[in-house]
Protein backbone atom coordinates (compact mmCIF):
# COMPACT_ATOMS: atom_id res chain seq x y z
CA MET A 1 105.70 117.58 127.56
CA ALA A 2 107.49 114.39 126.50
CA ALA A 3 109.48 114.10 123.29
CA GLY A 4 108.41 111.78 120.52
CA ARG A 5 108.65 111.10 116.80
CA GLN A 6 105.90 111.01 114.22
CA TRP A 7 105.61 110.33 110.50
CA ILE A 8 103.76 112.96 108.47
CA ALA A 9 103.05 113.56 104.79
CA CYS A 10 104.34 116.98 103.73
CA ASP A 11 102.66 116.69 100.31
CA PHE A 12 100.33 114.41 98.35
CA GLY A 13 101.80 111.50 96.42
CA GLY A 14 103.60 108.27 97.30
CA PRO A 15 105.93 107.16 100.09
CA GLU A 16 108.47 109.80 99.05
CA VAL A 17 106.33 112.54 100.65
CA LEU A 18 106.67 111.03 104.14
CA ARG A 19 108.87 112.79 106.68
CA LEU A 20 109.84 111.77 110.21
CA ARG A 21 109.63 114.70 112.60
CA ASP A 22 110.29 115.30 116.29
CA VAL A 23 107.16 116.18 118.24
CA GLU A 24 106.15 117.08 121.76
CA VAL A 25 103.61 114.64 123.20
CA ALA A 26 101.08 116.48 125.34
CA PRO A 27 100.42 115.08 128.81
CA PRO A 28 96.99 113.49 129.19
CA GLY A 29 94.12 115.52 130.56
CA PRO A 30 90.90 114.13 132.02
CA GLY A 31 89.58 111.36 129.78
CA GLU A 32 92.95 110.84 128.03
CA VAL A 33 95.90 108.48 128.21
CA THR A 34 99.38 108.59 126.72
CA ILE A 35 100.65 105.46 125.00
CA GLY A 36 104.23 104.52 124.23
CA ILE A 37 103.66 102.82 120.90
CA ARG A 38 105.21 99.43 120.21
CA ALA A 39 103.51 98.81 116.85
CA SER A 40 101.54 100.90 114.37
CA GLY A 41 98.93 99.12 112.29
CA MET A 42 98.89 99.69 108.54
CA ASN A 43 95.82 99.78 106.30
CA PRO A 44 95.10 100.64 102.65
CA ALA A 45 93.35 103.76 103.92
CA ASP A 46 96.77 105.06 104.97
CA TYR A 47 98.19 105.40 101.47
CA LYS A 48 94.82 106.42 100.01
CA HIS A 49 94.93 109.29 102.50
CA LEU A 50 97.97 110.59 100.59
CA GLY A 51 96.32 110.53 97.19
CA PRO A 52 96.94 113.52 94.91
CA GLY A 53 94.33 116.11 94.05
CA GLN A 54 93.29 117.03 97.59
CA ASP A 55 93.05 120.39 99.31
CA ARG A 56 96.61 121.43 100.13
CA SER A 57 95.44 123.46 103.10
CA VAL A 58 95.12 120.22 105.12
CA LEU A 59 98.87 119.52 104.88
CA PRO A 60 100.83 118.21 106.65
CA LEU A 61 98.89 114.98 107.16
CA THR A 62 99.31 112.51 109.97
CA LEU A 63 98.88 108.81 109.23
CA GLY A 64 97.70 105.75 111.11
CA TYR A 65 94.31 104.85 112.58
CA GLU A 66 95.35 102.12 115.02
CA SER A 67 98.29 101.32 117.28
CA ALA A 68 99.28 99.11 120.19
CA GLY A 69 101.63 99.83 123.05
CA ILE A 70 101.97 100.52 126.75
CA ILE A 71 100.28 103.23 128.83
CA THR A 72 102.85 105.74 130.06
CA ALA A 73 100.49 108.27 131.65
CA VAL A 74 96.82 108.47 132.63
CA GLY A 75 94.73 111.63 132.92
CA PRO A 76 92.94 112.46 136.19
CA GLY A 77 89.88 110.31 136.92
CA THR A 78 90.30 108.35 133.69
CA GLU A 79 89.53 104.76 132.71
CA ILE A 80 90.07 103.12 129.31
CA ALA A 81 87.17 101.65 127.33
CA THR A 82 87.58 98.16 128.79
CA GLY A 83 87.83 99.52 132.35
CA GLY A 84 90.77 100.37 134.55
CA GLY A 85 93.95 101.42 132.84
CA ALA A 86 97.23 102.07 134.62
CA VAL A 87 100.78 102.97 133.68
CA GLY A 88 102.44 99.85 132.30
CA ASP A 89 99.26 98.27 130.92
CA GLU A 90 99.40 96.88 127.37
CA VAL A 91 96.69 98.43 125.21
CA VAL A 92 95.26 98.88 121.73
CA ALA A 93 94.03 102.22 120.36
CA PHE A 94 91.69 102.50 117.39
CA GLN A 95 89.80 105.24 115.63
CA ILE A 96 92.68 107.53 116.37
CA LEU A 97 94.66 109.87 114.11
CA GLY A 98 98.45 109.94 113.88
CA GLY A 99 99.21 106.36 114.85
CA TYR A 100 102.51 106.32 112.94
CA ALA A 101 104.26 107.69 116.02
CA SER A 102 106.48 106.67 118.91
CA ALA A 103 104.02 108.01 121.48
CA ILE A 104 100.57 109.56 121.38
CA THR A 105 97.99 111.04 123.73
CA VAL A 106 94.47 109.91 122.82
CA PRO A 107 90.94 109.74 124.26
CA ALA A 108 90.71 106.88 126.74
CA SER A 109 87.40 105.89 125.14
CA ASP A 110 89.41 104.73 122.10
CA VAL A 111 91.81 102.59 124.17
CA PHE A 112 91.29 98.91 125.03
CA ALA A 113 93.22 96.27 126.93
CA LYS A 114 95.46 94.39 124.48
CA PRO A 115 94.28 90.80 123.95
CA GLY A 116 96.86 88.52 125.53
CA PRO A 117 97.11 86.04 122.64
CA LEU A 118 98.14 88.76 120.18
CA SER A 119 101.58 90.30 119.69
CA PHE A 120 101.83 94.09 119.52
CA ALA A 121 102.03 93.91 115.70
CA GLN A 122 98.89 91.76 115.55
CA ALA A 123 97.00 93.85 118.07
CA ALA A 124 97.86 97.06 116.21
CA ASN A 125 96.14 95.60 113.15
CA LEU A 126 93.10 94.04 114.82
CA LEU A 127 90.32 96.55 115.02
CA LEU A 128 89.94 98.31 111.69
CA ALA A 129 89.71 95.05 109.77
CA ALA A 130 87.70 93.23 112.44
CA THR A 131 85.06 95.92 112.91
CA THR A 132 84.72 96.26 109.13
CA ALA A 133 84.23 92.50 108.85
CA ALA A 134 81.66 92.58 111.64
CA GLU A 135 79.76 95.33 109.84
CA LEU A 136 79.74 93.37 106.58
CA LEU A 137 78.29 90.32 108.33
CA ALA A 138 75.71 92.28 110.31
CA THR A 139 74.57 94.43 107.39
CA ALA A 140 74.06 91.34 105.23
CA GLY A 141 72.20 89.64 108.07
CA VAL A 142 74.45 86.57 108.06
CA SER A 143 73.37 83.92 110.53
CA GLU A 144 73.78 80.25 111.34
CA SER A 145 73.38 77.85 108.37
CA ASP A 146 73.77 80.60 105.75
CA THR A 147 76.07 79.93 102.81
CA VAL A 148 77.89 83.15 102.03
CA LEU A 149 80.06 84.29 99.12
CA LEU A 150 83.04 86.42 100.17
CA HIS A 151 85.01 88.30 97.52
CA GLY A 152 88.64 88.86 98.57
CA ALA A 153 88.77 86.14 101.21
CA ALA A 154 92.56 86.25 101.69
CA GLY A 155 92.67 89.99 102.41
CA ALA A 156 92.79 91.40 105.92
CA VAL A 157 89.05 92.06 106.13
CA GLY A 158 88.33 88.78 104.38
CA MET A 159 90.32 86.74 106.88
CA SER A 160 88.45 88.39 109.73
CA VAL A 161 85.12 87.69 108.01
CA LEU A 162 86.09 84.02 107.72
CA GLN A 163 86.81 83.77 111.44
CA GLN A 164 83.71 85.65 112.53
CA ALA A 165 81.44 83.79 110.10
CA ARG A 166 82.68 80.47 111.50
CA LEU A 167 81.70 81.64 114.99
CA LEU A 168 78.22 82.46 113.66
CA GLY A 169 77.90 78.99 112.14
CA ALA A 170 77.83 80.25 108.55
CA ARG A 171 79.61 78.57 105.64
CA VAL A 172 81.79 80.76 103.40
CA ILE A 173 82.79 80.36 99.76
CA GLY A 174 85.73 82.70 99.30
CA THR A 175 87.36 84.03 96.14
CA ALA A 176 91.16 84.10 96.19
CA SER A 177 94.18 83.39 94.03
CA GLU A 178 95.26 79.77 94.02
CA ASP A 179 98.39 80.78 95.98
CA ASN A 180 96.11 81.79 98.85
CA PHE A 181 93.79 78.77 98.88
CA GLY A 182 95.58 77.48 101.98
CA VAL A 183 94.87 80.74 103.81
CA VAL A 184 91.15 80.51 103.05
CA GLU A 185 90.96 76.85 103.99
CA GLY A 186 92.91 77.49 107.17
CA PHE A 187 90.14 79.77 108.40
CA GLY A 188 87.37 77.37 107.43
CA GLY A 189 86.41 78.75 104.02
CA VAL A 190 85.96 77.00 100.68
CA PRO A 191 88.22 78.72 98.14
CA VAL A 192 87.40 79.39 94.49
CA THR A 193 89.46 81.31 91.93
CA TYR A 194 88.19 84.51 90.42
CA GLY A 195 88.18 85.00 86.64
CA ASP A 196 86.02 83.70 83.80
CA GLY A 197 83.43 81.18 84.96
CA LEU A 198 83.31 82.49 88.53
CA GLU A 199 79.54 82.23 88.86
CA GLU A 200 79.48 78.55 87.93
CA ARG A 201 82.45 77.72 90.16
CA VAL A 202 80.66 79.31 93.10
CA ARG A 203 77.45 77.41 92.37
CA HIS A 204 79.37 74.16 92.22
CA ALA A 205 81.35 74.83 95.40
CA ALA A 206 78.27 75.96 97.34
CA GLY A 207 75.90 73.21 96.32
CA THR A 208 73.13 75.33 97.81
CA PRO A 209 71.77 78.83 97.18
CA ILE A 210 73.98 81.75 98.20
CA ALA A 211 72.23 83.61 101.02
CA ALA A 212 74.44 86.70 101.12
CA VAL A 213 77.50 88.21 99.45
CA LEU A 214 80.23 90.23 101.14
CA ASP A 215 82.40 92.14 98.68
CA THR A 216 85.80 93.57 99.61
CA VAL A 217 86.99 93.78 95.98
CA GLY A 218 84.48 95.92 94.10
CA SER A 219 85.27 94.69 90.59
CA ASP A 220 82.53 94.42 87.97
CA GLU A 221 83.16 90.67 87.91
CA ALA A 222 82.50 90.44 91.65
CA VAL A 223 79.34 92.53 91.48
CA ASP A 224 77.95 90.88 88.33
CA SER A 225 78.45 87.35 89.65
CA SER A 226 76.98 88.33 93.01
CA LEU A 227 73.82 89.77 91.50
CA ALA A 228 73.40 86.63 89.38
CA LEU A 229 73.79 84.37 92.43
CA LEU A 230 71.54 86.23 94.87
CA ASN A 231 67.76 86.18 95.09
CA ASP A 232 67.75 89.25 97.33
CA ARG A 233 70.28 91.91 96.30
CA ARG A 234 69.73 93.72 99.60
CA ARG A 235 71.98 91.02 101.06
CA LEU A 236 74.89 92.09 98.87
CA VAL A 237 77.17 94.41 100.86
CA THR A 238 80.27 96.04 99.39
CA LEU A 239 83.21 98.03 100.69
CA THR A 240 84.17 99.58 97.38
CA ALA A 241 81.53 99.39 94.60
CA PHE A 242 79.82 102.59 95.76
CA HIS A 243 78.39 103.78 92.44
CA ARG A 244 76.94 100.44 91.49
CA ALA A 245 75.46 99.97 94.96
CA SER A 246 73.62 103.27 94.68
CA ALA A 247 72.40 102.56 91.15
CA GLU A 248 71.50 98.89 91.58
CA GLY A 249 69.95 98.61 95.02
CA PHE A 250 72.55 97.00 97.23
CA THR A 251 74.44 98.39 100.20
CA ALA A 252 77.85 100.05 100.46
CA ILE A 253 79.46 100.55 103.85
CA GLY A 254 82.35 102.78 104.85
CA ALA A 255 82.92 106.52 104.81
CA SER A 256 79.92 107.16 102.56
CA ASN A 257 77.53 105.33 104.91
CA PRO A 258 76.64 107.32 108.05
CA ALA A 259 75.87 104.11 109.95
CA SER A 260 79.38 102.69 109.54
CA GLY A 261 81.27 104.85 112.02
CA PRO A 262 78.88 104.30 114.94
CA PHE A 263 78.63 100.57 114.22
CA ARG A 264 82.40 100.09 114.18
CA ALA A 265 82.88 102.15 117.32
CA GLN A 266 80.33 99.99 119.11
CA ALA A 267 81.88 96.76 117.76
CA ARG A 268 85.40 97.43 119.04
CA ARG A 269 84.94 95.96 122.49
CA ARG A 270 83.38 92.77 121.13
CA MET A 271 86.33 92.28 118.76
CA ILE A 272 88.75 92.72 121.67
CA GLU A 273 86.81 90.08 123.63
CA LEU A 274 86.91 87.63 120.72
CA ALA A 275 90.65 88.07 120.31
CA ALA A 276 91.27 87.77 124.06
CA ALA A 277 89.38 84.47 124.04
CA GLY A 278 91.53 83.16 121.20
CA ASN A 279 88.69 83.27 118.66
CA LEU A 280 90.08 86.02 116.44
CA THR A 281 93.65 86.33 115.24
CA VAL A 282 95.54 88.60 112.84
CA PRO A 283 98.04 87.10 110.39
CA VAL A 284 101.01 89.41 109.91
CA ALA A 285 102.91 89.19 106.61
CA ARG A 286 105.81 91.46 107.59
CA THR A 287 106.94 94.02 110.13
CA PHE A 288 109.16 97.03 109.45
CA PRO A 289 111.29 99.11 111.80
CA PHE A 290 109.56 102.38 112.58
CA GLU A 291 112.24 104.30 110.67
CA ASP A 292 111.40 102.38 107.47
CA ALA A 293 107.86 103.69 107.08
CA ARG A 294 108.46 104.73 103.46
CA ASP A 295 109.39 101.16 102.50
CA ALA A 296 106.42 99.83 104.45
CA VAL A 297 103.94 102.16 102.74
CA ALA A 298 105.42 101.24 99.35
CA MET A 299 104.74 97.58 100.08
CA LEU A 300 101.29 98.38 101.47
CA ALA A 301 100.33 100.08 98.20
CA ARG A 302 101.18 97.11 95.99
CA PRO A 303 100.26 93.42 96.01
CA HIS A 304 102.03 91.61 98.84
CA PRO A 305 101.78 88.27 100.66
CA SER A 306 98.52 87.67 102.53
CA GLY A 307 98.58 89.25 105.99
CA LYS A 308 99.01 92.62 107.63
CA LEU A 309 102.00 94.96 107.75
CA ALA A 310 103.14 96.84 110.85
CA LEU A 311 105.70 99.42 111.92
CA VAL A 312 107.42 98.28 115.13
CA LEU A 313 109.38 100.14 117.79
CA GLU A 314 111.69 98.76 120.42
CA GLY A 315 110.50 98.99 124.02
């Protein structure tokens, strides 16, 4: 077995519960590959995973659902999800566990060729946000000529929605702070500020009926304005307003929706293809050395500049 390092949570709480431990990385068996990680993607789900009040029997916890790096070993008779796969190939792994690590052995079916236009830090942050964005668009039935309202347009999922909606030929009105208007406009959206008067600002900016709403925020303001703007609430899809979705007849996606996991797994290859063609990028706000995971998680858990965060390792 090869030696490696991995961040774990030894308790529930904040970044202070994280510990860096030495681990043995198992060699790959049939259907597996080992990856020397160059960047670990970071998502809000990472720090939510540490939240207090959980069953202590699951400790210690590993963190990280996506990473990018270089194949260091391939199991017998094994190909990665995009075909082929040899030692030295640059790859992305998603829907994995324990991605905050220096090396990891994972199912080859969760490993994809890294899109050439993306850095390791970008590639490590591509798939969770992109497949979530794809699910939002598909669940709401967004198509060419639709005018769509997107709550949280400058967030990671929001920026991916903007790019994918543009490819579909849809027009997006996106809520954001004024500081992030340039981000929204840069990806082809029409920005509006949230706050009092949101409904009227959206109507004015759209100039046409809103066909669908994609909500990454989940606030009452977002839901109330969306319901007022839509003729068909079945085309309101949220990532976070689970209770209101159940009570008021619109759709929530994510862990509570059994269709979400299979959809996102199926969408991974398409997102890789879009990024490889230069049609999908990942803005990165900041990278942290692998050893500074506590600082990175602290920033992840609070408001920070638009863009993703990543832990990076030297090759």
